[in-house]
PDB file of N, CA and C in Angstrom:
ATOM      1  N   MET A   1     208.340 -33.974   9.709  1.00  0.00           N
ATOM      2  CA  MET A   1     209.519 -33.893   8.947  1.00  0.00           C
ATOM      3  C   MET A   1     209.788 -32.499   8.750  1.00  0.00           C
ATOM      4  N   THR A   2     210.959 -31.940   9.222  1.00  0.00           N
ATOM      5  CA  THR A   2     211.273 -30.577   9.030  1.00  0.00           C
ATOM      6  C   THR A   2     212.542 -30.382   8.196  1.00  0.00           C
ATOM      7  N   ALA A   3     212.663 -29.311   7.386  1.00  0.00           N
ATOM      8  CA  ALA A   3     213.720 -29.110   6.569  1.00  0.00           C
ATOM      9  C   ALA A   3     214.699 -28.046   7.288  1.00  0.00           C
ATOM     10  N   SER A   4     215.984 -28.253   7.084  1.00  0.00           N
ATOM     11  CA  SER A   4     216.948 -27.371   7.745  1.00  0.00           C
ATOM     12  C   SER A   4     217.066 -26.070   6.819  1.00  0.00           C
ATOM     13  N   THR A   5     216.984 -24.953   7.542  1.00  0.00           N
ATOM     14  CA  THR A   5     216.972 -23.751   6.853  1.00  0.00           C
ATOM     15  C   THR A   5     218.318 -22.893   7.228  1.00  0.00           C
ATOM     16  N   ALA A   6     219.127 -23.521   7.850  1.00  0.00           N
ATOM     17  CA  ALA A   6     220.422 -22.883   8.241  1.00  0.00           C
ATOM     18  C   ALA A   6     221.322 -22.554   7.087  1.00  0.00           C
ATOM     19  N   LEU A   7     221.919 -21.431   7.055  1.00  0.00           N
ATOM     20  CA  LEU A   7     222.734 -21.005   6.061  1.00  0.00           C
ATOM     21  C   LEU A   7     224.270 -21.156   6.423  1.00  0.00           C
ATOM     22  N   THR A   8     225.012 -21.741   5.562  1.00  0.00           N
ATOM     23  CA  THR A   8     226.447 -21.860   5.886  1.00  0.00           C
ATOM     24  C   THR A   8     227.251 -20.628   5.268  1.00  0.00           C
ATOM     25  N   PRO A   9     228.501 -20.405   5.711  1.00  0.00           N
ATOM     26  CA  PRO A   9     229.325 -19.384   5.186  1.00  0.00           C
ATOM     27  C   PRO A   9     229.500 -19.525   3.601  1.00  0.00           C
ATOM     28  N   VAL A  10     229.451 -20.801   3.132  1.00  0.00           N
ATOM     29  CA  VAL A  10     229.695 -21.061   1.710  1.00  0.00           C
ATOM     30  C   VAL A  10     228.437 -20.562   0.971  1.00  0.00           C
ATOM     31  N   ASP A  11     227.169 -20.844   1.507  1.00  0.00           N
ATOM     32  CA  ASP A  11     225.970 -20.371   0.933  1.00  0.00           C
ATOM     33  C   ASP A  11     226.047 -18.892   0.820  1.00  0.00           C
ATOM     34  N   LEU A  12     226.424 -18.167   1.927  1.00  0.00           N
ATOM     35  CA  LEU A  12     226.460 -16.734   1.910  1.00  0.00           C
ATOM     36  C   LEU A  12     227.483 -16.132   0.897  1.00  0.00           C
ATOM     37  N   ASP A  13     228.589 -16.805   0.674  1.00  0.00           N
ATOM     38  CA  ASP A  13     229.553 -16.341  -0.273  1.00  0.00           C
ATOM     39  C   ASP A  13     229.038 -16.527  -1.656  1.00  0.00           C
ATOM     40  N   ALA A  14     228.131 -17.487  -1.893  1.00  0.00           N
ATOM     41  CA  ALA A  14     227.675 -17.667  -3.208  1.00  0.00           C
ATOM     42  C   ALA A  14     226.581 -16.595  -3.685  1.00  0.00           C
ATOM     43  N   GLU A  15     226.085 -15.889  -2.713  1.00  0.00           N
ATOM     44  CA  GLU A  15     224.998 -14.795  -2.950  1.00  0.00           C
ATOM     45  C   GLU A  15     225.661 -13.747  -3.761  1.00  0.00           C
ATOM     46  N   VAL A  16     224.801 -13.210  -4.777  1.00  0.00           N
ATOM     47  CA  VAL A  16     225.263 -12.225  -5.570  1.00  0.00           C
ATOM     48  C   VAL A  16     224.265 -10.823  -5.313  1.00  0.00           C
ATOM     49  N   VAL A  17     224.911  -9.714  -5.299  1.00  0.00           N
ATOM     50  CA  VAL A  17     224.139  -8.529  -5.142  1.00  0.00           C
ATOM     51  C   VAL A  17     224.263  -7.544  -6.227  1.00  0.00           C
ATOM     52  N   GLU A  18     223.255  -6.989  -6.670  1.00  0.00           N
ATOM     53  CA  GLU A  18     223.187  -6.031  -7.824  1.00  0.00           C
ATOM     54  C   GLU A  18     222.467  -4.755  -7.348  1.00  0.00           C
ATOM     55  N   LEU A  19     223.216  -3.584  -7.567  1.00  0.00           N
ATOM     56  CA  LEU A  19     222.502  -2.347  -7.219  1.00  0.00           C
ATOM     57  C   LEU A  19     221.415  -1.961  -8.143  1.00  0.00           C
ATOM     58  N   LEU A  20     220.234  -1.353  -7.595  1.00  0.00           N
ATOM     59  CA  LEU A  20     219.183  -0.832  -8.491  1.00  0.00           C
ATOM     60  C   LEU A  20     219.530   0.597  -8.966  1.00  0.00           C
ATOM     61  N   PRO A  21     218.948   0.944 -10.094  1.00  0.00           N
ATOM     62  CA  PRO A  21     219.377   2.332 -10.614  1.00  0.00           C
ATOM     63  C   PRO A  21     218.649   3.319  -9.569  1.00  0.00           C
ATOM     64  N   MET A  22     219.202   4.526  -9.719  1.00  0.00           N
ATOM     65  CA  MET A  22     218.862   5.726  -8.908  1.00  0.00           C
ATOM     66  C   MET A  22     217.278   5.951  -9.115  1.00  0.00           C
ATOM     67  N   LYS A  23     216.691   6.516  -8.120  1.00  0.00           N
ATOM     68  CA  LYS A  23     215.210   6.854  -8.345  1.00  0.00           C
ATOM     69  C   LYS A  23     215.028   7.768  -9.351  1.00  0.00           C
ATOM     70  N   GLU A  24     215.888   8.716  -9.756  1.00  0.00           N
ATOM     71  CA  GLU A  24     215.720   9.756 -10.766  1.00  0.00           C
ATOM     72  C   GLU A  24     215.648   8.968 -12.062  1.00  0.00           C
ATOM     73  N   THR A  25     216.413   7.992 -12.233  1.00  0.00           N
ATOM     74  CA  THR A  25     216.385   7.263 -13.520  1.00  0.00           C
ATOM     75  C   THR A  25     215.109   6.412 -13.618  1.00  0.00           C
ATOM     76  N   LEU A  26     214.509   5.813 -12.587  1.00  0.00           N
ATOM     77  CA  LEU A  26     213.285   5.233 -12.672  1.00  0.00           C
ATOM     78  C   LEU A  26     212.145   6.104 -12.877  1.00  0.00           C
ATOM     79  N   PHE A  27     212.320   7.424 -12.235  1.00  0.00           N
ATOM     80  CA  PHE A  27     211.263   8.270 -12.352  1.00  0.00           C
ATOM     81  C   PHE A  27     211.051   8.790 -13.842  1.00  0.00           C
ATOM     82  N   PHE A  28     212.069   9.000 -14.520  1.00  0.00           N
ATOM     83  CA  PHE A  28     211.947   9.559 -15.934  1.00  0.00           C
ATOM     84  C   PHE A  28     211.785   8.392 -16.983  1.00  0.00           C
ATOM     85  N   ASN A  29     211.617   7.246 -16.545  1.00  0.00           N
ATOM     86  CA  ASN A  29     211.379   6.117 -17.539  1.00  0.00           C
ATOM     87  C   ASN A  29     209.865   6.014 -17.659  1.00  0.00           C
ATOM     88  N   VAL A  30     209.350   6.877 -18.503  1.00  0.00           N
ATOM     89  CA  VAL A  30     207.785   6.979 -18.730  1.00  0.00           C
ATOM     90  C   VAL A  30     207.359   6.218 -20.041  1.00  0.00           C
ATOM     91  N   ASN A  31     206.367   5.515 -19.918  1.00  0.00           N
ATOM     92  CA  ASN A  31     205.937   4.888 -21.173  1.00  0.00           C
ATOM     93  C   ASN A  31     204.518   5.487 -21.393  1.00  0.00           C
ATOM     94  N   VAL A  32     204.423   6.353 -22.351  1.00  0.00           N
ATOM     95  CA  VAL A  32     203.104   7.057 -22.640  1.00  0.00           C
ATOM     96  C   VAL A  32     202.443   6.384 -23.865  1.00  0.00           C
ATOM     97  N   SER A  33     201.216   5.981 -23.763  1.00  0.00           N
ATOM     98  CA  SER A  33     200.489   5.447 -24.847  1.00  0.00           C
ATOM     99  C   SER A  33     199.234   6.184 -25.148  1.00  0.00           C
ATOM    100  N   PRO A  34     199.132   6.667 -26.422  1.00  0.00           N
ATOM    101  CA  PRO A  34     197.836   7.448 -26.733  1.00  0.00           C
ATOM    102  C   PRO A  34     196.674   6.424 -26.702  1.00  0.00           C
ATOM    103  N   VAL A  35     195.524   6.876 -26.200  1.00  0.00           N
ATOM    104  CA  VAL A  35     194.372   6.003 -26.204  1.00  0.00           C
ATOM    105  C   VAL A  35     193.288   6.837 -26.872  1.00  0.00           C
ATOM    106  N   ILE A  36     192.664   6.053 -27.797  1.00  0.00           N
ATOM    107  CA  ILE A  36     191.588   6.684 -28.542  1.00  0.00           C
ATOM    108  C   ILE A  36     190.265   5.891 -28.264  1.00  0.00           C
ATOM    109  N   ALA A  37     189.230   6.638 -27.876  1.00  0.00           N
ATOM    110  CA  ALA A  37     187.908   6.006 -27.558  1.00  0.00           C
ATOM    111  C   ALA A  37     186.883   6.841 -28.394  1.00  0.00           C
ATOM    112  N   VAL A  38     186.035   6.061 -28.970  1.00  0.00           N
ATOM    113  CA  VAL A  38     184.918   6.578 -29.916  1.00  0.00           C
ATOM    114  C   VAL A  38     183.703   6.035 -29.451  1.00  0.00           C
ATOM    115  N   ASN A  39     182.687   6.824 -29.143  1.00  0.00           N
ATOM    116  CA  ASN A  39     181.312   6.399 -28.812  1.00  0.00           C
ATOM    117  C   ASN A  39     180.383   7.301 -29.523  1.00  0.00           C
ATOM    118  N   LEU A  40     179.763   6.784 -30.636  1.00  0.00           N
ATOM    119  CA  LEU A  40     178.786   7.679 -31.469  1.00  0.00           C
ATOM    120  C   LEU A  40     177.481   6.871 -31.484  1.00  0.00           C
ATOM    121  N   SER A  41     176.363   7.787 -31.435  1.00  0.00           N
ATOM    122  CA  SER A  41     175.080   7.383 -31.528  1.00  0.00           C
ATOM    123  C   SER A  41     174.233   8.492 -31.982  1.00  0.00           C
ATOM    124  N   MET A  42     173.174   8.061 -32.824  1.00  0.00           N
ATOM    125  CA  MET A  42     172.221   9.064 -33.336  1.00  0.00           C
ATOM    126  C   MET A  42     170.807   8.579 -33.326  1.00  0.00           C
ATOM    127  N   ALA A  43     169.893   9.286 -32.918  1.00  0.00           N
ATOM    128  CA  ALA A  43     168.463   8.920 -33.000  1.00  0.00           C
ATOM    129  C   ALA A  43     167.722  10.147 -33.566  1.00  0.00           C
ATOM    130  N   ILE A  44     166.961   9.953 -34.618  1.00  0.00           N
ATOM    131  CA  ILE A  44     166.161  11.110 -35.112  1.00  0.00           C
ATOM    132  C   ILE A  44     164.685  10.681 -35.228  1.00  0.00           C
ATOM    133  N   ASN A  45     163.814  11.585 -34.611  1.00  0.00           N
ATOM    134  CA  ASN A  45     162.470  11.432 -34.742  1.00  0.00           C
ATOM    135  C   ASN A  45     161.789  12.663 -35.183  1.00  0.00           C
ATOM    136  N   ALA A  46     161.602  12.853 -36.385  1.00  0.00           N
ATOM    137  CA  ALA A  46     161.122  14.163 -36.881  1.00  0.00           C
ATOM    138  C   ALA A  46     159.691  13.909 -37.660  1.00  0.00           C
ATOM    139  N   ALA A  47     158.949  14.849 -37.412  1.00  0.00           N
ATOM    140  CA  ALA A  47     157.616  14.805 -38.094  1.00  0.00           C
ATOM    141  C   ALA A  47     156.777  13.628 -37.681  1.00  0.00           C
ATOM    142  N   SER A  48     156.916  13.112 -36.399  1.00  0.00           N
ATOM    143  CA  SER A  48     156.045  11.980 -35.988  1.00  0.00           C
ATOM    144  C   SER A  48     155.529  12.429 -34.638  1.00  0.00           C
ATOM    145  N   ILE A  49     154.202  12.292 -34.569  1.00  0.00           N
ATOM    146  CA  ILE A  49     153.570  12.704 -33.239  1.00  0.00           C
ATOM    147  C   ILE A  49     153.355  11.430 -32.398  1.00  0.00           C
ATOM    148  N   GLY A  50     153.900  11.611 -31.129  1.00  0.00           N
ATOM    149  CA  GLY A  50     153.670  10.492 -30.115  1.00  0.00           C
ATOM    150  C   GLY A  50     154.688   9.267 -30.432  1.00  0.00           C
ATOM    151  N   SER A  51     155.599   9.375 -31.169  1.00  0.00           N
ATOM    152  CA  SER A  51     156.571   8.320 -31.304  1.00  0.00           C
ATOM    153  C   SER A  51     157.813   8.509 -30.569  1.00  0.00           C
ATOM    154  N   VAL A  52     158.474   7.475 -30.339  1.00  0.00           N
ATOM    155  CA  VAL A  52     159.795   7.513 -29.503  1.00  0.00           C
ATOM    156  C   VAL A  52     160.913   7.108 -30.308  1.00  0.00           C
ATOM    157  N   ALA A  53     162.067   7.741 -30.210  1.00  0.00           N
ATOM    158  CA  ALA A  53     163.277   7.322 -30.843  1.00  0.00           C
ATOM    159  C   ALA A  53     164.331   7.083 -29.861  1.00  0.00           C
ATOM    160  N   SER A  54     165.052   5.966 -30.005  1.00  0.00           N
ATOM    161  CA  SER A  54     166.093   5.634 -28.963  1.00  0.00           C
ATOM    162  C   SER A  54     167.276   5.259 -29.751  1.00  0.00           C
ATOM    163  N   SER A  55     168.475   5.287 -29.136  1.00  0.00           N
ATOM    164  CA  SER A  55     169.714   4.893 -29.765  1.00  0.00           C
ATOM    165  C   SER A  55     170.729   4.399 -28.774  1.00  0.00           C
ATOM    166  N   GLY A  56     171.355   3.381 -29.150  1.00  0.00           N
ATOM    167  CA  GLY A  56     172.375   2.779 -28.387  1.00  0.00           C
ATOM    168  C   GLY A  56     173.786   2.638 -29.143  1.00  0.00           C
ATOM    169  N   ALA A  57     174.857   2.733 -28.418  1.00  0.00           N
ATOM    170  CA  ALA A  57     176.149   2.651 -29.049  1.00  0.00           C
ATOM    171  C   ALA A  57     177.091   1.786 -28.362  1.00  0.00           C
ATOM    172  N   LEU A  58     177.999   1.099 -28.999  1.00  0.00           N
ATOM    173  CA  LEU A  58     179.137   0.312 -28.419  1.00  0.00           C
ATOM    174  C   LEU A  58     180.307   1.223 -28.462  1.00  0.00           C
ATOM    175  N   GLN A  59     181.142   1.060 -27.443  1.00  0.00           N
ATOM    176  CA  GLN A  59     182.385   1.991 -27.424  1.00  0.00           C
ATOM    177  C   GLN A  59     183.620   0.994 -27.788  1.00  0.00           C
ATOM    178  N   ASP A  60     184.396   1.612 -28.796  1.00  0.00           N
ATOM    179  CA  ASP A  60     185.671   0.951 -29.106  1.00  0.00           C
ATOM    180  C   ASP A  60     186.815   1.767 -28.610  1.00  0.00           C
ATOM    181  N   ILE A  61     187.719   0.969 -28.034  1.00  0.00           N
ATOM    182  CA  ILE A  61     188.895   1.670 -27.448  1.00  0.00           C
ATOM    183  C   ILE A  61     190.151   1.156 -28.051  1.00  0.00           C
ATOM    184  N   LEU A  62     191.103   2.009 -28.522  1.00  0.00           N
ATOM    185  CA  LEU A  62     192.331   1.647 -29.257  1.00  0.00           C
ATOM    186  C   LEU A  62     193.553   2.123 -28.505  1.00  0.00           C
ATOM    187  N   VAL A  63     194.355   1.359 -28.132  1.00  0.00           N
ATOM    188  CA  VAL A  63     195.590   1.681 -27.376  1.00  0.00           C
ATOM    189  C   VAL A  63     196.848   1.373 -28.304  1.00  0.00           C
ATOM    190  N   LEU A  64     197.656   2.511 -28.549  1.00  0.00           N
ATOM    191  CA  LEU A  64     198.760   2.340 -29.397  1.00  0.00           C
ATOM    192  C   LEU A  64     199.964   2.300 -28.386  1.00  0.00           C
ATOM    193  N   GLN A  65     200.742   1.207 -28.329  1.00  0.00           N
ATOM    194  CA  GLN A  65     201.954   1.247 -27.553  1.00  0.00           C
ATOM    195  C   GLN A  65     203.168   0.819 -28.315  1.00  0.00           C
ATOM    196  N   PRO A  66     204.162   1.676 -28.330  1.00  0.00           N
ATOM    197  CA  PRO A  66     205.363   1.267 -29.077  1.00  0.00           C
ATOM    198  C   PRO A  66     206.090   0.039 -28.473  1.00  0.00           C
TER     199      PRO A  66
END
């Protein structure tokens, strides 16, 4: 079973064409979003002989987009 893909003049007349904006217009359409990332960690090992201090931190990222 095959489908016919031939176009008729009526089909072509029904097509609609729309021009795209100039490249300059598309180039200056910039969407800037500030990104804030915070990663803090602290480990203190004071006045201890032979001990180990370690620290781990999770990072949070916030994106503000209008």
